[in-house]
N, C-alpha and C. Protein backbone atom coordinates (compact mmCIF):
# COMPACT_ATOMS: atom_id res chain seq x y z
N MET A 1 0.89 -1.17 -0.15
CA MET A 1 -0.08 0.09 0.05
C MET A 1 0.88 1.23 0.04
N SER A 2 0.60 2.12 -0.64
CA SER A 2 1.25 3.36 -0.89
C SER A 2 0.65 4.55 -0.30
N GLN A 3 -0.46 4.58 0.18
CA GLN A 3 -1.10 5.78 0.70
C GLN A 3 -2.01 5.61 1.89
N THR A 4 -2.52 6.56 2.41
CA THR A 4 -3.56 6.35 3.56
C THR A 4 -4.75 5.61 3.10
N VAL A 5 -5.25 4.60 3.82
CA VAL A 5 -6.50 3.84 3.44
C VAL A 5 -7.37 4.13 4.64
N PHE A 6 -8.69 4.55 4.18
CA PHE A 6 -9.58 4.76 5.15
C PHE A 6 -10.46 3.48 5.13
N LEU A 7 -10.83 2.88 6.39
CA LEU A 7 -11.27 1.64 6.67
C LEU A 7 -12.79 1.87 7.21
N ALA A 8 -13.71 0.98 6.52
CA ALA A 8 -15.06 0.95 7.12
C ALA A 8 -15.85 2.22 6.82
N ALA A 9 -15.28 3.14 5.94
CA ALA A 9 -15.87 4.47 5.67
C ALA A 9 -17.35 4.17 5.20
N ARG A 10 -17.59 3.27 4.30
CA ARG A 10 -19.06 2.97 3.79
C ARG A 10 -19.95 2.67 4.93
N SER A 11 -19.53 1.76 5.89
CA SER A 11 -20.43 1.55 7.00
C SER A 11 -20.70 2.52 7.90
N LEU A 12 -19.68 3.29 8.12
CA LEU A 12 -19.81 4.41 9.09
C LEU A 12 -20.74 5.48 8.50
N ALA A 13 -20.65 5.67 7.19
CA ALA A 13 -21.55 6.56 6.53
C ALA A 13 -22.89 6.24 6.53
N HIS A 14 -23.04 4.84 6.33
CA HIS A 14 -24.47 4.39 6.34
C HIS A 14 -24.97 4.49 7.83
N LEU A 15 -24.25 4.21 8.82
CA LEU A 15 -24.73 4.33 10.20
C LEU A 15 -25.09 5.75 10.50
N LEU A 16 -24.29 6.63 9.98
CA LEU A 16 -24.58 8.18 10.10
C LEU A 16 -25.81 8.57 9.53
N GLY A 17 -26.20 7.93 8.38
CA GLY A 17 -27.53 8.40 7.80
C GLY A 17 -28.75 7.45 8.24
N GLN A 18 -28.39 6.52 9.16
CA GLN A 18 -29.66 5.71 9.61
C GLN A 18 -30.53 6.68 10.46
N THR A 19 -31.61 6.24 10.47
CA THR A 19 -32.89 7.05 11.23
C THR A 19 -33.51 5.97 12.10
N ASP A 20 -33.25 4.64 11.98
CA ASP A 20 -34.05 3.72 12.76
C ASP A 20 -33.66 3.90 14.29
N GLU A 21 -34.54 3.64 15.14
CA GLU A 21 -34.31 3.66 16.51
C GLU A 21 -35.04 2.45 17.17
N GLY A 22 -34.51 1.83 18.29
CA GLY A 22 -35.05 0.84 18.92
C GLY A 22 -34.22 -0.19 19.50
N PRO A 23 -34.57 -1.44 19.81
CA PRO A 23 -33.82 -2.41 20.52
C PRO A 23 -32.82 -2.82 19.57
N ALA A 24 -31.54 -3.23 20.14
CA ALA A 24 -30.64 -3.77 19.36
C ALA A 24 -30.61 -5.30 19.49
N SER A 25 -29.89 -6.01 18.58
CA SER A 25 -29.81 -7.24 18.55
C SER A 25 -28.42 -7.84 18.48
N ASN A 26 -28.00 -9.05 19.08
CA ASN A 26 -26.73 -9.59 18.71
C ASN A 26 -26.86 -10.59 17.71
N THR A 27 -27.93 -10.65 16.95
CA THR A 27 -28.08 -11.52 15.78
C THR A 27 -28.15 -10.79 14.41
N SER A 28 -28.47 -9.50 14.47
CA SER A 28 -28.52 -8.82 13.13
C SER A 28 -27.69 -7.59 13.34
N PRO A 29 -27.13 -7.04 12.35
CA PRO A 29 -26.17 -5.92 12.35
C PRO A 29 -27.04 -4.60 12.42
N LEU A 30 -26.37 -3.59 12.91
CA LEU A 30 -26.86 -2.19 12.95
C LEU A 30 -27.09 -1.79 11.44
N VAL A 31 -25.83 -1.90 10.76
CA VAL A 31 -25.78 -1.67 9.35
C VAL A 31 -24.66 -2.68 8.89
N ASP A 32 -24.62 -2.93 7.49
CA ASP A 32 -23.67 -3.97 7.13
C ASP A 32 -22.26 -3.47 7.50
N GLY A 33 -21.69 -4.44 8.33
CA GLY A 33 -20.24 -4.41 8.85
C GLY A 33 -20.29 -3.76 10.19
N ILE A 34 -21.32 -3.31 10.75
CA ILE A 34 -21.29 -2.81 12.29
C ILE A 34 -22.38 -3.53 13.06
N TYR A 35 -21.98 -4.21 14.02
CA TYR A 35 -22.84 -5.13 14.85
C TYR A 35 -22.47 -5.29 16.26
N PHE A 36 -23.35 -5.66 17.12
CA PHE A 36 -23.05 -5.84 18.65
C PHE A 36 -22.87 -7.39 18.79
N SER A 37 -22.11 -7.50 19.85
CA SER A 37 -22.00 -9.02 20.41
C SER A 37 -21.96 -8.94 21.72
N TRP A 38 -22.60 -9.89 22.49
CA TRP A 38 -22.58 -10.08 23.88
C TRP A 38 -22.68 -11.49 24.35
N ASP A 39 -22.41 -11.66 25.57
CA ASP A 39 -22.42 -12.92 26.22
C ASP A 39 -23.84 -13.20 26.73
N ASP A 40 -24.63 -14.11 25.94
CA ASP A 40 -26.11 -14.32 26.72
C ASP A 40 -26.16 -15.38 27.61
N GLU A 41 -25.02 -16.04 27.82
CA GLU A 41 -25.08 -17.07 28.70
C GLU A 41 -25.00 -16.83 30.18
N ASN A 42 -24.29 -15.62 30.45
CA ASN A 42 -23.94 -15.27 31.81
C ASN A 42 -24.67 -13.94 32.18
N GLY A 43 -25.59 -13.33 31.38
CA GLY A 43 -26.25 -12.14 31.73
C GLY A 43 -27.28 -11.89 30.53
N ALA A 44 -28.08 -10.84 30.88
CA ALA A 44 -29.14 -10.35 29.92
C ALA A 44 -28.70 -8.87 29.47
N VAL A 45 -28.89 -8.64 28.26
CA VAL A 45 -28.47 -7.35 27.70
C VAL A 45 -29.65 -6.74 26.99
N ALA A 46 -30.15 -5.65 27.35
CA ALA A 46 -31.15 -4.80 26.72
C ALA A 46 -30.44 -3.55 26.05
N LEU A 47 -30.33 -3.43 24.84
CA LEU A 47 -29.49 -2.29 24.26
C LEU A 47 -30.74 -1.56 23.36
N GLU A 48 -30.81 -0.14 23.62
CA GLU A 48 -31.67 0.68 22.79
C GLU A 48 -30.68 1.51 22.15
N VAL A 49 -31.05 1.68 20.91
CA VAL A 49 -30.25 2.51 19.97
C VAL A 49 -31.06 3.58 19.34
N GLN A 50 -30.43 4.78 19.40
CA GLN A 50 -30.93 6.06 18.90
C GLN A 50 -30.03 6.54 17.86
N SER A 51 -30.48 7.28 16.92
CA SER A 51 -29.71 7.80 15.86
C SER A 51 -29.90 9.35 15.74
N PRO A 52 -29.35 10.13 16.62
CA PRO A 52 -29.58 11.50 16.59
C PRO A 52 -28.97 12.06 15.35
N PRO A 53 -29.57 13.12 14.81
CA PRO A 53 -28.95 13.74 13.55
C PRO A 53 -27.61 14.12 13.72
N GLY A 54 -26.71 13.88 12.86
CA GLY A 54 -25.34 14.16 12.74
C GLY A 54 -24.44 13.35 13.76
N GLN A 55 -24.97 12.24 14.31
CA GLN A 55 -24.29 11.34 15.22
C GLN A 55 -24.23 9.99 14.67
N LEU A 56 -23.49 9.19 15.00
CA LEU A 56 -23.37 7.74 14.49
C LEU A 56 -24.49 6.93 15.40
N CYS A 57 -24.40 6.90 16.67
CA CYS A 57 -25.32 6.20 17.42
C CYS A 57 -25.25 6.58 18.87
N HIS A 58 -26.40 6.56 19.62
CA HIS A 58 -26.47 6.84 21.02
C HIS A 58 -27.07 5.54 21.57
N LEU A 59 -26.45 4.92 22.70
CA LEU A 59 -26.77 3.71 23.15
C LEU A 59 -27.25 3.75 24.70
N THR A 60 -28.18 3.06 25.03
CA THR A 60 -28.61 2.97 26.48
C THR A 60 -28.54 1.51 26.66
N GLY A 61 -27.98 0.98 27.70
CA GLY A 61 -27.76 -0.40 27.97
C GLY A 61 -28.37 -0.64 29.32
N ARG A 62 -29.13 -1.66 29.45
CA ARG A 62 -29.56 -2.35 30.68
C ARG A 62 -29.05 -3.68 30.90
N ILE A 63 -28.24 -3.91 31.83
CA ILE A 63 -27.60 -5.21 31.90
C ILE A 63 -27.99 -5.82 33.20
N SER A 64 -28.28 -7.16 33.28
CA SER A 64 -28.49 -7.82 34.37
C SER A 64 -27.69 -9.25 34.28
N GLY A 65 -27.24 -9.67 35.43
CA GLY A 65 -26.27 -10.74 35.44
C GLY A 65 -24.99 -10.19 35.30
N ALA A 66 -24.02 -11.00 34.82
CA ALA A 66 -22.67 -10.66 34.54
C ALA A 66 -22.26 -11.17 33.28
N PRO A 67 -22.55 -10.50 32.09
CA PRO A 67 -22.01 -10.92 30.91
C PRO A 67 -20.51 -10.72 30.85
N GLU A 68 -19.82 -11.64 30.10
CA GLU A 68 -18.34 -11.61 30.08
C GLU A 68 -17.87 -10.75 29.03
N TRP A 69 -18.77 -10.45 28.15
CA TRP A 69 -18.44 -9.32 27.22
C TRP A 69 -19.70 -8.59 26.60
N LEU A 70 -19.47 -7.38 26.02
CA LEU A 70 -20.41 -6.64 25.52
C LEU A 70 -19.65 -5.72 24.53
N ALA A 71 -19.84 -5.71 23.22
CA ALA A 71 -18.92 -4.92 22.39
C ALA A 71 -19.81 -4.45 21.10
N LEU A 72 -19.33 -3.32 20.61
CA LEU A 72 -19.75 -2.72 19.33
C LEU A 72 -18.64 -3.12 18.54
N ASN A 73 -18.88 -3.82 17.36
CA ASN A 73 -17.70 -4.26 16.31
C ASN A 73 -17.98 -3.63 15.06
N ILE A 74 -16.98 -3.25 14.60
CA ILE A 74 -16.73 -2.58 13.18
C ILE A 74 -15.92 -3.54 12.33
N SER A 75 -16.48 -4.10 11.44
CA SER A 75 -15.69 -4.88 10.42
C SER A 75 -14.86 -4.17 9.50
N LEU A 76 -13.58 -4.46 9.44
CA LEU A 76 -12.57 -3.83 8.46
C LEU A 76 -12.35 -4.57 7.33
N GLY A 77 -12.63 -5.83 7.24
CA GLY A 77 -12.47 -6.78 6.13
C GLY A 77 -10.97 -7.29 6.13
N VAL A 78 -10.64 -7.95 4.88
CA VAL A 78 -9.50 -8.61 4.67
C VAL A 78 -8.31 -7.50 4.29
N LEU A 79 -7.45 -7.41 5.26
CA LEU A 79 -6.35 -6.51 4.95
C LEU A 79 -4.91 -7.09 5.43
N ASP A 80 -3.84 -6.51 4.82
CA ASP A 80 -2.52 -6.97 5.07
C ASP A 80 -1.92 -5.95 5.81
N PHE A 81 -1.33 -6.30 6.93
CA PHE A 81 -0.71 -5.30 7.88
C PHE A 81 0.77 -5.83 8.00
N ALA A 82 1.72 -4.85 8.01
CA ALA A 82 3.04 -5.19 7.99
C ALA A 82 3.65 -4.34 9.21
N PRO A 83 4.91 -4.72 9.87
CA PRO A 83 5.50 -4.05 11.06
C PRO A 83 5.77 -2.61 10.34
N GLY A 84 5.50 -1.58 11.28
CA GLY A 84 5.58 -0.39 10.86
C GLY A 84 4.32 0.48 10.45
N ASP A 85 3.38 -0.30 9.92
CA ASP A 85 2.13 0.19 9.49
C ASP A 85 1.55 1.00 10.73
N THR A 86 0.68 1.97 10.53
CA THR A 86 0.21 2.73 11.68
C THR A 86 -1.55 2.54 11.41
N PHE A 87 -2.05 2.16 12.36
CA PHE A 87 -3.54 1.89 12.37
C PHE A 87 -3.86 3.04 13.34
N GLY A 88 -5.07 3.85 12.89
CA GLY A 88 -5.47 4.86 13.59
C GLY A 88 -6.99 5.18 13.59
N MET A 89 -7.33 5.86 14.41
CA MET A 89 -8.85 6.29 14.38
C MET A 89 -8.95 7.70 15.10
N ALA A 90 -9.82 8.50 14.65
CA ALA A 90 -10.26 9.80 15.24
C ALA A 90 -11.71 9.55 15.52
N ALA A 91 -12.15 9.74 16.93
CA ALA A 91 -13.45 9.41 17.41
C ALA A 91 -13.71 10.40 18.36
N ASN A 92 -15.04 10.55 18.34
CA ASN A 92 -15.61 11.46 19.37
C ASN A 92 -16.84 10.68 20.09
N VAL A 93 -16.64 10.43 21.32
CA VAL A 93 -17.52 9.72 22.14
C VAL A 93 -17.91 10.45 23.53
N SER A 94 -19.03 10.09 24.07
CA SER A 94 -19.47 10.44 25.39
C SER A 94 -20.02 9.23 25.98
N GLY A 95 -19.83 9.48 27.29
CA GLY A 95 -20.14 8.26 28.23
C GLY A 95 -18.91 7.60 28.72
N ALA A 96 -18.98 6.34 29.21
CA ALA A 96 -17.84 5.57 29.80
C ALA A 96 -16.79 5.38 28.87
N PRO A 97 -15.43 5.39 29.31
CA PRO A 97 -14.45 5.05 28.37
C PRO A 97 -14.48 3.77 28.13
N CYS A 98 -13.87 3.29 26.98
CA CYS A 98 -13.46 1.87 26.53
C CYS A 98 -12.08 1.77 26.01
N THR A 99 -11.58 0.51 26.02
CA THR A 99 -10.31 0.19 25.49
C THR A 99 -10.36 -0.71 24.24
N PRO A 100 -10.48 0.12 23.10
CA PRO A 100 -10.66 -0.74 21.86
C PRO A 100 -9.39 -1.61 21.47
N TYR A 101 -9.65 -2.56 20.69
CA TYR A 101 -8.54 -3.46 20.28
C TYR A 101 -9.02 -4.00 18.86
N LEU A 102 -7.98 -4.49 18.13
CA LEU A 102 -8.21 -4.95 16.74
C LEU A 102 -8.16 -6.48 16.92
N ARG A 103 -9.29 -7.19 16.45
CA ARG A 103 -9.27 -8.68 16.67
C ARG A 103 -8.97 -9.05 15.13
N SER A 104 -8.12 -10.06 14.87
CA SER A 104 -7.64 -10.52 13.60
C SER A 104 -7.86 -11.96 13.55
N LEU A 105 -8.30 -12.35 12.29
CA LEU A 105 -8.37 -13.91 12.13
C LEU A 105 -7.52 -14.16 10.96
N HIS A 106 -6.41 -15.08 11.39
CA HIS A 106 -5.60 -15.35 10.32
C HIS A 106 -5.72 -16.95 10.10
N GLY A 107 -6.35 -17.44 9.22
CA GLY A 107 -6.56 -18.84 9.07
C GLY A 107 -7.62 -19.26 10.17
N GLU A 108 -7.33 -20.11 11.02
CA GLU A 108 -8.07 -20.46 12.17
C GLU A 108 -7.53 -19.85 13.48
N MET A 109 -6.49 -18.96 13.55
CA MET A 109 -5.98 -18.30 14.69
C MET A 109 -6.64 -16.92 14.77
N LEU A 110 -7.14 -16.72 15.92
CA LEU A 110 -7.94 -15.49 16.41
C LEU A 110 -6.97 -14.64 17.41
N LEU A 111 -6.50 -13.63 16.94
CA LEU A 111 -5.51 -12.76 17.72
C LEU A 111 -6.03 -11.36 17.88
N ASP A 112 -5.73 -10.77 19.16
CA ASP A 112 -5.97 -9.40 19.44
C ASP A 112 -4.82 -8.60 19.49
N THR A 113 -4.96 -7.49 19.09
CA THR A 113 -4.10 -6.48 19.25
C THR A 113 -4.48 -5.14 19.83
N ALA A 114 -4.04 -4.91 21.02
CA ALA A 114 -4.48 -3.63 21.90
C ALA A 114 -4.01 -2.49 21.27
N LEU A 115 -4.91 -1.63 21.32
CA LEU A 115 -4.63 -0.04 20.92
C LEU A 115 -3.95 0.55 22.21
N GLN A 116 -3.14 1.44 22.11
CA GLN A 116 -2.28 1.94 23.27
C GLN A 116 -3.10 2.87 24.14
N ASP A 117 -4.16 3.37 23.76
CA ASP A 117 -4.83 4.24 24.75
C ASP A 117 -6.41 3.90 24.72
N ASP A 118 -6.90 4.40 25.78
CA ASP A 118 -8.49 4.25 26.05
C ASP A 118 -9.14 5.37 25.11
N LEU A 119 -10.41 5.19 24.65
CA LEU A 119 -11.11 5.96 24.01
C LEU A 119 -12.06 6.64 25.13
N ARG A 120 -11.79 8.06 25.48
CA ARG A 120 -12.40 8.63 26.45
C ARG A 120 -13.40 9.76 25.92
N GLU A 121 -14.05 10.43 26.77
CA GLU A 121 -15.00 11.40 26.51
C GLU A 121 -14.33 12.54 25.49
N GLY A 122 -15.14 12.93 24.49
CA GLY A 122 -14.68 14.01 23.63
C GLY A 122 -13.91 13.32 22.50
N PRO A 123 -13.55 14.40 21.49
CA PRO A 123 -12.87 13.97 20.35
C PRO A 123 -11.36 13.74 20.60
N GLN A 124 -10.94 12.71 19.84
CA GLN A 124 -9.46 12.29 20.04
C GLN A 124 -9.05 11.41 19.17
N PRO A 125 -7.69 11.52 18.91
CA PRO A 125 -7.15 10.33 17.94
C PRO A 125 -6.63 9.14 18.75
N LEU A 126 -6.56 8.01 18.13
CA LEU A 126 -5.89 6.88 18.60
C LEU A 126 -4.98 6.41 17.63
N LEU A 127 -3.79 6.16 17.94
CA LEU A 127 -2.76 5.52 16.84
C LEU A 127 -2.19 4.31 17.59
N ARG A 128 -1.83 3.46 16.63
CA ARG A 128 -1.11 2.28 17.03
C ARG A 128 -0.12 1.83 15.71
N THR A 129 1.18 1.79 16.07
CA THR A 129 2.13 1.48 14.98
C THR A 129 2.46 0.01 15.23
N PHE A 130 2.17 -0.84 14.32
CA PHE A 130 2.34 -2.21 14.61
C PHE A 130 3.87 -2.68 14.60
N ASP A 131 4.08 -3.77 15.41
CA ASP A 131 5.51 -4.36 15.36
C ASP A 131 5.33 -5.70 15.03
N ALA A 132 6.33 -6.40 14.75
CA ALA A 132 6.36 -7.76 14.36
C ALA A 132 5.59 -8.84 15.14
N HIS A 133 5.38 -8.46 16.49
CA HIS A 133 4.77 -9.33 17.44
C HIS A 133 3.14 -9.24 17.56
N ASP A 134 2.66 -8.15 16.87
CA ASP A 134 1.27 -7.86 17.07
C ASP A 134 0.50 -8.86 16.25
N GLY A 135 -0.70 -9.27 16.69
CA GLY A 135 -1.57 -10.21 16.16
C GLY A 135 -2.22 -9.75 14.66
N ALA A 136 -2.15 -8.46 14.59
CA ALA A 136 -2.79 -8.05 13.19
C ALA A 136 -1.70 -8.13 12.14
N ILE A 137 -0.44 -8.39 12.30
CA ILE A 137 0.38 -8.61 11.26
C ILE A 137 0.32 -9.78 10.48
N GLY A 138 0.38 -9.58 9.18
CA GLY A 138 0.22 -10.78 8.13
C GLY A 138 -0.54 -10.44 7.03
N GLN A 139 -0.56 -11.20 6.04
CA GLN A 139 -1.33 -10.96 4.87
C GLN A 139 -2.64 -11.78 4.99
N GLY A 140 -3.76 -11.24 4.47
CA GLY A 140 -4.98 -11.96 4.23
C GLY A 140 -5.88 -12.17 5.38
N GLY A 141 -5.29 -11.45 6.48
CA GLY A 141 -6.18 -11.53 7.71
C GLY A 141 -7.45 -10.72 7.68
N PHE A 142 -8.59 -11.33 8.34
CA PHE A 142 -9.87 -10.55 8.48
C PHE A 142 -9.84 -9.83 9.84
N HIS A 143 -9.98 -8.57 9.76
CA HIS A 143 -9.94 -7.65 11.03
C HIS A 143 -11.13 -6.97 11.43
N THR A 144 -11.29 -6.88 12.72
CA THR A 144 -12.58 -6.18 13.27
C THR A 144 -12.21 -5.37 14.31
N LEU A 145 -12.58 -4.13 14.34
CA LEU A 145 -12.27 -3.03 15.46
C LEU A 145 -13.38 -3.35 16.48
N VAL A 146 -12.93 -3.72 17.71
CA VAL A 146 -13.83 -4.08 18.74
C VAL A 146 -13.91 -2.89 19.78
N LEU A 147 -15.04 -2.38 20.04
CA LEU A 147 -15.15 -1.35 21.17
C LEU A 147 -15.90 -2.01 22.32
N PRO A 148 -15.22 -2.22 23.26
CA PRO A 148 -15.83 -2.93 24.49
C PRO A 148 -16.75 -1.90 25.10
N LEU A 149 -18.07 -2.33 25.41
CA LEU A 149 -18.98 -1.44 26.13
C LEU A 149 -19.03 -1.93 27.63
N PRO A 150 -19.49 -0.94 28.49
CA PRO A 150 -19.73 -1.37 29.94
C PRO A 150 -20.51 -2.61 30.01
N ARG A 151 -20.28 -3.33 31.21
CA ARG A 151 -21.11 -4.52 31.54
C ARG A 151 -22.07 -4.16 32.73
N GLN A 152 -22.41 -2.95 32.87
CA GLN A 152 -23.39 -2.62 33.70
C GLN A 152 -24.17 -1.61 32.96
N ASP A 153 -25.34 -1.18 33.69
CA ASP A 153 -26.13 -0.16 32.88
C ASP A 153 -25.28 1.09 32.54
N PHE A 154 -25.56 1.57 31.36
CA PHE A 154 -24.88 2.69 30.86
C PHE A 154 -25.58 3.44 29.67
N THR A 155 -25.01 4.66 29.44
CA THR A 155 -25.42 5.34 28.14
C THR A 155 -24.17 5.74 27.62
N TRP A 156 -24.01 5.60 26.21
CA TRP A 156 -22.84 5.83 25.60
C TRP A 156 -23.08 6.41 24.13
N ALA A 157 -22.34 7.39 23.61
CA ALA A 157 -22.66 7.86 22.32
C ALA A 157 -21.39 7.89 21.45
N LEU A 158 -21.53 7.51 20.19
CA LEU A 158 -20.58 7.63 19.23
C LEU A 158 -20.96 8.65 18.36
N HIS A 159 -20.27 9.83 18.51
CA HIS A 159 -20.76 11.01 17.69
C HIS A 159 -20.26 10.81 16.42
N ASP A 160 -18.90 10.55 16.21
CA ASP A 160 -18.32 10.53 14.84
C ASP A 160 -16.96 9.61 15.05
N MET A 161 -16.61 9.04 13.79
CA MET A 161 -15.36 8.25 13.84
C MET A 161 -14.85 8.08 12.42
N ALA A 162 -13.60 7.97 12.35
CA ALA A 162 -13.04 7.89 11.19
C ALA A 162 -11.80 6.80 11.48
N ILE A 163 -11.59 5.69 10.72
CA ILE A 163 -10.76 4.65 10.92
C ILE A 163 -9.56 4.65 9.63
N PHE A 164 -8.41 4.54 9.77
CA PHE A 164 -7.45 4.53 8.78
C PHE A 164 -6.32 3.70 9.02
N MET A 165 -5.55 3.44 8.12
CA MET A 165 -4.14 2.74 8.02
C MET A 165 -3.25 3.40 7.20
N LEU A 166 -2.09 3.81 7.72
CA LEU A 166 -0.95 4.45 6.96
C LEU A 166 0.18 3.39 6.83
N PRO A 167 0.69 3.19 5.58
CA PRO A 167 1.65 2.13 5.46
C PRO A 167 3.02 2.70 6.24
N ALA A 168 3.90 1.66 6.42
CA ALA A 168 5.16 2.17 7.34
C ALA A 168 5.95 3.24 6.37
N GLY A 169 6.06 3.18 5.22
CA GLY A 169 6.76 3.94 4.27
C GLY A 169 6.36 5.41 4.36
N LYS A 170 5.32 5.72 4.92
CA LYS A 170 4.74 7.03 4.74
C LYS A 170 5.22 7.91 6.01
N GLY A 171 5.73 7.35 6.90
CA GLY A 171 6.52 8.14 8.04
C GLY A 171 5.63 8.41 9.36
N LEU A 172 4.46 8.13 9.34
CA LEU A 172 3.59 8.56 10.53
C LEU A 172 3.85 7.29 11.59
N ARG A 173 4.27 7.74 12.70
CA ARG A 173 4.36 6.69 13.76
C ARG A 173 3.89 7.15 15.15
N SER A 174 3.30 6.18 15.75
CA SER A 174 2.81 6.65 17.15
C SER A 174 3.84 6.43 18.14
N ALA A 175 4.84 5.74 17.88
CA ALA A 175 6.07 5.41 18.80
C ALA A 175 7.35 5.40 18.02
N PRO A 176 8.33 5.82 18.85
CA PRO A 176 9.69 5.70 18.05
C PRO A 176 10.03 4.36 17.70
N LEU A 177 10.78 4.29 16.40
CA LEU A 177 11.19 3.09 15.84
C LEU A 177 12.34 2.36 16.75
N THR A 178 12.27 1.13 16.89
CA THR A 178 13.37 0.43 17.61
C THR A 178 13.71 -0.85 16.89
N LEU A 179 14.83 -1.43 17.23
CA LEU A 179 15.14 -2.71 16.52
C LEU A 179 14.10 -3.76 16.94
N SER A 180 13.62 -4.00 17.94
CA SER A 180 12.83 -4.90 18.42
C SER A 180 11.35 -4.77 17.62
N SER A 181 11.01 -3.68 17.00
CA SER A 181 9.88 -3.27 16.35
C SER A 181 9.84 -4.32 15.07
N PHE A 182 10.99 -4.64 14.64
CA PHE A 182 11.11 -5.47 13.37
C PHE A 182 11.42 -6.86 13.62
N ALA A 183 11.77 -7.18 14.79
CA ALA A 183 12.25 -8.73 15.17
C ALA A 183 11.07 -9.47 15.01
N SER A 184 11.18 -10.64 14.32
CA SER A 184 10.07 -11.65 14.29
C SER A 184 10.27 -12.79 15.24
């Protein structure tokens, strides 16, 4: 890749234009490529989704029991990531902070790559420069950005978001280059 690649732009634009409101399901997507997942075995989750004008979504969650996970997932598709590539997003959220991560499926191996910062209230960028040890590295992996949501009652809004990848050769890094960054 030789230039910045914006990821999930079509799905995010579709979500921005969404006017449906009501309960969410973990069996059908909000829009193509954006969906919720949660643990039905250890708890009950009731999510109400609103689509205020100019925002991606506003969520109200009512949780009972102790679900092991609850997440908003954004499919990024099949991508090739190499050491030195920078994955980034700019997002504006309100409500509880979350710690997003990239979940990558390479063949039958499911690997997670933590992003370096939490997503907190207000607009902010998050960047992650991959090194050789990250689960996202490799060719032909299917990647999903996972935004973990609180596992107790909450309100949370995703006002806006852009997701991108910049190849190593373009010079943007979230951390200084070290020899171990390229060690395999």
